[in-house]
Amino acid sequence: MSEALLYTQVGAIVTLTMNQDATRNAISSDEMIDAFEQAALKINRDDSVSVVILTGAGKAFSSGGNVKDMHEKQGMFGGSPVELREGYRRGIQRIPLAMHNLEVPLIAAVNGPAIGAGCDLAMMCDMRIASTKAKFAESFAKIGIIPGDGGAWFLPRAIGMSRACEMAFTGEAVDAETALSWGMVSEVTEPEALIPAAEALAARIAVNPPRSLRMTKKLLKEGQKVSLETLLELSASMQSLAHHTSDHSEAVAAMLEKRAPSFSGQ
């Protein structure tokens, strides 16, 4: 995988680490965008993966778009309005699509500032744990642009419309404790405890059958956009598959026999 996004796997847990400290883990470069897409495809095709942790190297989680490139109007930020539109569609917008289509549970371990598109990246995750050093800013208004990476879709779903409007219209940052009180994150830790806390949560998830985890995530995602009747029909179809997995049989047997289950992923 790319050096921009480090990919490590221990057991059923994959950790993705944004590794461009010089740009505070900006995510607008072709290298980083490609790396996110490739990692998501690799994970979706690998049945040995049950859960993913996303974090940043260095002091920042992610600074979002590279402001220097914006100033110099280069890369995806250069060209005519038509070219800029295509730059976003073919550039950074590939990340929200990749993250939204990730089939396994995704935990953001927010180690530092998550700014602009970096804030939105954290909102693309299913769960978020923050270090006391973390802060979140939907800061696009501060530099005279709008959330072009899907933030207007992800942020209200994470914290509700009123809080999302407050963040987007002021552009102001909120600290980790505020994020916790708003339900943006589920836990705040000291910096040195962040990755262990994320790994502990990932381990609690990974003990469950991998196929049921993927189907459960699919149902949770679909439940945000379809009618109850449609979701019930989809649930019935998936449940018919789940009942015929070896892991379901093993889970029931282990529960009745009062022992720990041993899952095969089948």
Protein backbone atom coordinates (compact mmCIF):
# COMPACT_ATOMS: atom_id res chain seq x y z
CA MET A 1 0.00 0.00 0.00
CA SER A 2 0.98 3.68 -0.33
CA GLU A 3 3.36 5.34 2.14
CA ALA A 4 0.76 8.12 2.36
CA LEU A 5 -1.65 5.76 4.14
CA LEU A 6 -0.03 3.00 6.16
CA TYR A 7 -1.94 -0.29 6.21
CA THR A 8 -1.31 -2.74 9.04
CA GLN A 9 -3.31 -5.79 10.08
CA VAL A 10 -3.24 -7.69 13.35
CA GLY A 11 -5.72 -10.54 13.41
CA ALA A 12 -9.08 -9.24 12.17
CA ILE A 13 -8.23 -5.58 12.85
CA VAL A 14 -6.76 -3.25 10.20
CA THR A 15 -5.24 0.10 11.17
CA LEU A 16 -4.98 2.83 8.53
CA THR A 17 -2.58 5.64 9.45
CA MET A 18 -2.45 8.84 7.43
CA ASN A 19 1.27 9.38 7.14
CA GLN A 20 1.94 12.85 5.73
CA ASP A 21 2.94 14.81 8.80
CA ALA A 22 4.52 17.57 6.66
CA THR A 23 1.05 18.58 5.44
CA ARG A 24 -0.64 17.63 8.73
CA ASN A 25 -2.12 14.67 6.88
CA ALA A 26 -3.90 16.67 4.18
CA ILE A 27 -6.10 14.37 2.12
CA SER A 28 -6.38 16.26 -1.18
CA SER A 29 -3.31 14.85 -2.95
CA ASP A 30 -3.71 12.21 -5.65
CA GLU A 31 -1.48 9.87 -3.64
CA MET A 32 -3.66 10.05 -0.53
CA ILE A 33 -6.94 9.83 -2.46
CA ASP A 34 -5.71 6.80 -4.40
CA ALA A 35 -4.52 5.21 -1.15
CA PHE A 36 -7.94 5.53 0.49
CA GLU A 37 -9.65 3.99 -2.51
CA GLN A 38 -7.18 1.12 -2.71
CA ALA A 39 -7.39 0.42 1.03
CA ALA A 40 -11.20 0.32 0.96
CA LEU A 41 -11.21 -2.07 -2.00
CA LYS A 42 -8.62 -4.31 -0.34
CA ILE A 43 -10.61 -4.45 2.91
CA ASN A 44 -13.93 -5.16 1.19
CA ARG A 45 -12.36 -8.08 -0.69
CA ASP A 46 -10.62 -9.53 2.38
CA ASP A 47 -12.92 -11.67 4.53
CA SER A 48 -10.27 -11.82 7.26
CA VAL A 49 -10.91 -8.14 8.13
CA SER A 50 -13.68 -7.43 10.64
CA VAL A 51 -13.01 -3.86 11.76
CA VAL A 52 -10.82 -0.87 10.79
CA ILE A 53 -9.19 1.92 12.83
CA LEU A 54 -8.32 5.19 11.07
CA THR A 55 -5.84 7.62 12.66
CA GLY A 56 -3.16 10.16 11.78
CA ALA A 57 0.60 10.19 12.24
CA GLY A 58 2.12 13.15 14.06
CA LYS A 59 0.17 15.82 15.91
CA ALA A 60 -2.82 16.15 13.56
CA PHE A 61 -5.58 13.78 12.51
CA SER A 62 -6.04 15.62 9.21
CA SER A 63 -5.89 19.22 8.01
CA GLY A 64 -8.23 18.36 5.14
CA GLY A 65 -7.47 20.12 1.87
CA ASN A 66 -3.96 21.44 1.28
CA VAL A 67 -4.38 25.21 1.76
CA LYS A 68 -1.05 25.94 0.07
CA ASP A 69 -2.33 24.21 -3.08
CA MET A 70 -5.54 26.25 -2.81
CA HIS A 71 -3.54 29.49 -2.57
CA GLU A 72 -1.40 28.56 -5.56
CA LYS A 73 -4.44 27.19 -7.42
CA GLN A 74 -2.73 23.95 -8.30
CA GLY A 75 -3.65 20.27 -8.31
CA MET A 76 -7.37 19.72 -7.85
CA PHE A 77 -7.79 23.40 -6.90
CA GLY A 78 -6.63 24.80 -10.23
CA GLY A 79 -8.28 25.64 -13.53
CA SER A 80 -11.58 27.02 -14.74
CA PRO A 81 -14.87 26.48 -12.85
CA VAL A 82 -15.57 23.45 -15.05
CA GLU A 83 -12.08 22.05 -14.36
CA LEU A 84 -12.43 22.73 -10.63
CA ARG A 85 -15.75 20.87 -10.55
CA GLU A 86 -14.14 17.89 -12.21
CA GLY A 87 -11.15 18.23 -9.86
CA TYR A 88 -13.43 17.72 -6.88
CA ARG A 89 -15.46 14.94 -8.49
CA ARG A 90 -12.39 13.02 -9.64
CA GLY A 91 -10.33 14.01 -6.61
CA ILE A 92 -11.29 14.32 -2.97
CA GLN A 93 -14.90 13.22 -3.50
CA ARG A 94 -13.61 9.70 -4.14
CA ILE A 95 -12.77 9.47 -0.43
CA PRO A 96 -16.32 9.84 0.95
CA LEU A 97 -17.55 7.30 -1.58
CA ALA A 98 -14.81 4.85 -0.58
CA MET A 99 -15.41 5.34 3.14
CA HIS A 100 -19.19 5.18 2.86
CA ASN A 101 -18.96 1.94 0.87
CA LEU A 102 -16.55 0.29 3.32
CA GLU A 103 -18.28 -2.91 4.40
CA VAL A 104 -16.77 -3.34 7.87
CA PRO A 105 -17.12 -1.16 10.99
CA LEU A 106 -14.81 1.88 10.91
CA ILE A 107 -13.44 3.63 14.02
CA ALA A 108 -11.80 7.07 13.87
CA ALA A 109 -9.06 7.48 16.48
CA VAL A 110 -8.79 11.27 16.33
CA ASN A 111 -5.36 12.07 17.70
CA GLY A 112 -5.30 15.82 17.00
CA PRO A 113 -6.95 18.56 14.94
CA ALA A 114 -9.51 17.39 12.37
CA ILE A 115 -10.06 20.46 10.23
CA GLY A 116 -12.30 21.06 7.20
CA ALA A 117 -12.26 17.92 5.10
CA GLY A 118 -10.37 16.28 7.97
CA CYS A 119 -13.39 16.87 10.21
CA ASP A 120 -15.62 15.43 7.51
CA LEU A 121 -13.33 12.40 7.22
CA ALA A 122 -13.87 11.68 10.92
CA MET A 123 -17.64 12.00 10.39
CA MET A 124 -17.42 9.41 7.59
CA CYS A 125 -16.44 6.84 10.21
CA ASP A 126 -19.01 4.78 12.10
CA MET A 127 -17.52 5.48 15.55
CA ARG A 128 -15.15 8.14 16.87
CA ILE A 129 -12.78 8.22 19.84
CA ALA A 130 -10.83 11.42 20.50
CA SER A 131 -7.64 12.37 22.27
CA THR A 132 -7.76 15.38 24.58
CA LYS A 133 -5.58 17.02 21.90
CA ALA A 134 -8.32 16.65 19.26
CA LYS A 135 -10.46 19.46 17.94
CA PHE A 136 -13.00 19.52 15.13
CA ALA A 137 -13.75 22.38 12.75
CA GLU A 138 -16.12 22.53 9.78
CA SER A 139 -14.02 25.52 8.76
CA PHE A 140 -14.81 25.99 5.07
CA ALA A 141 -16.67 29.29 5.62
CA LYS A 142 -13.51 30.73 7.20
CA ILE A 143 -11.74 30.53 3.84
CA GLY A 144 -14.71 31.43 1.70
CA ILE A 145 -15.62 28.01 0.33
CA ILE A 146 -18.15 25.30 1.10
CA PRO A 147 -17.83 21.66 2.24
CA GLY A 148 -17.10 20.13 -1.16
CA ASP A 149 -16.35 16.64 0.12
CA GLY A 150 -19.77 15.61 1.37
CA GLY A 151 -19.55 17.19 4.80
CA ALA A 152 -23.05 18.65 4.46
CA TRP A 153 -24.28 15.03 4.23
CA PHE A 154 -22.11 13.40 6.92
CA LEU A 155 -21.99 16.07 9.65
CA PRO A 156 -25.76 16.41 10.30
CA ARG A 157 -26.04 12.63 10.47
CA ALA A 158 -23.30 12.54 13.10
CA ILE A 159 -24.43 15.39 15.38
CA GLY A 160 -27.84 16.60 14.21
CA MET A 161 -28.78 19.51 11.98
CA SER A 162 -28.64 22.32 14.59
CA ARG A 163 -25.10 21.52 15.75
CA ALA A 164 -23.99 20.91 12.17
CA CYS A 165 -25.33 24.32 11.14
CA GLU A 166 -23.55 25.97 14.05
CA MET A 167 -20.24 24.41 13.07
CA ALA A 168 -20.64 25.07 9.34
CA PHE A 169 -21.89 28.67 9.62
CA THR A 170 -19.34 29.81 12.23
CA GLY A 171 -16.42 27.70 11.04
CA GLU A 172 -15.29 27.61 14.66
CA ALA A 173 -13.54 24.63 16.25
CA VAL A 174 -14.95 22.55 19.08
CA ASP A 175 -12.69 20.75 21.53
CA ALA A 176 -12.78 17.09 22.47
CA GLU A 177 -14.94 17.56 25.57
CA THR A 178 -17.51 19.56 23.60
CA ALA A 179 -17.45 16.88 20.90
CA LEU A 180 -18.16 14.30 23.60
CA SER A 181 -21.10 16.27 25.02
CA TRP A 182 -22.53 16.66 21.51
CA GLY A 183 -22.28 12.93 20.77
CA MET A 184 -19.74 13.55 18.02
CA VAL A 185 -17.34 11.18 19.78
CA SER A 186 -18.13 8.37 22.20
CA GLU A 187 -14.97 8.61 24.31
CA VAL A 188 -12.15 11.04 25.11
CA THR A 189 -8.79 9.73 26.28
CA GLU A 190 -5.36 11.04 27.11
CA PRO A 191 -3.14 11.03 23.99
CA GLU A 192 -1.14 7.96 24.97
CA ALA A 193 -4.33 5.99 25.66
CA LEU A 194 -6.06 6.76 22.34
CA ILE A 195 -4.84 3.87 20.18
CA PRO A 196 -5.19 1.31 23.00
CA ALA A 197 -8.79 2.52 23.51
CA ALA A 198 -9.52 2.23 19.79
CA GLU A 199 -7.92 -1.21 19.67
CA ALA A 200 -9.97 -2.32 22.69
CA LEU A 201 -13.19 -1.21 20.99
CA ALA A 202 -12.09 -2.89 17.75
CA ALA A 203 -11.36 -6.12 19.66
CA ARG A 204 -14.85 -6.07 21.23
CA ILE A 205 -16.29 -5.86 17.72
CA ALA A 206 -13.93 -8.37 16.11
CA VAL A 207 -14.95 -11.22 18.43
CA ASN A 208 -18.27 -11.42 16.54
CA PRO A 209 -18.85 -13.36 13.30
CA PRO A 210 -17.45 -11.30 10.40
CA ARG A 211 -20.28 -11.93 7.97
CA SER A 212 -22.94 -10.80 10.45
CA LEU A 213 -20.89 -7.66 11.15
CA ARG A 214 -20.84 -6.73 7.47
CA MET A 215 -24.54 -7.41 7.03
CA THR A 216 -25.41 -5.47 10.19
CA LYS A 217 -23.45 -2.44 8.95
CA LYS A 218 -25.25 -2.65 5.61
CA LEU A 219 -28.62 -2.63 7.36
CA LEU A 220 -27.67 0.33 9.55
CA LYS A 221 -26.61 2.31 6.47
CA GLU A 222 -29.68 1.40 4.45
CA GLY A 223 -31.92 2.20 7.42
CA GLN A 224 -30.95 5.87 7.09
CA LYS A 225 -32.49 6.22 3.66
CA VAL A 226 -35.23 3.65 3.03
CA SER A 227 -38.72 3.06 4.38
CA LEU A 228 -39.34 0.71 7.30
CA GLU A 229 -41.09 -1.72 4.96
CA THR A 230 -38.07 -1.80 2.63
CA LEU A 231 -35.65 -2.25 5.52
CA LEU A 232 -37.72 -5.10 6.96
CA GLU A 233 -37.70 -6.86 3.60
CA LEU A 234 -33.92 -6.43 3.32
CA SER A 235 -33.50 -7.60 6.92
CA ALA A 236 -35.53 -10.75 6.25
CA SER A 237 -33.39 -11.56 3.21
CA MET A 238 -30.13 -11.04 5.08
CA GLN A 239 -31.39 -12.94 8.09
CA SER A 240 -32.18 -15.94 5.91
CA LEU A 241 -28.52 -15.94 4.87
CA ALA A 242 -27.24 -15.41 8.42
CA HIS A 243 -29.21 -18.37 9.76
CA HIS A 244 -27.40 -20.66 7.31
CA THR A 245 -23.85 -19.61 8.22
CA SER A 246 -21.56 -21.94 10.12
CA ASP A 247 -20.75 -19.11 12.53
CA HIS A 248 -24.42 -18.81 13.55
CA SER A 249 -24.53 -22.53 14.34
CA GLU A 250 -21.28 -22.24 16.29
CA ALA A 251 -22.50 -19.20 18.24
CA VAL A 252 -25.72 -20.92 19.30
CA ALA A 253 -23.92 -24.13 20.22
CA ALA A 254 -21.31 -22.24 22.24
CA MET A 255 -24.00 -20.32 24.11
CA LEU A 256 -25.89 -23.52 25.01
CA GLU A 257 -22.67 -25.30 25.98
CA LYS A 258 -21.46 -22.28 28.00
CA ARG A 259 -18.13 -21.99 26.19
CA ALA A 260 -16.35 -19.42 24.05
CA PRO A 261 -17.24 -19.67 20.34
CA SER A 262 -14.69 -20.25 17.61
CA PHE A 263 -15.71 -18.54 14.38
CA SER A 264 -14.48 -19.46 10.92
CA GLY A 265 -16.01 -16.62 8.92
CA GLN A 266 -18.26 -19.08 7.12
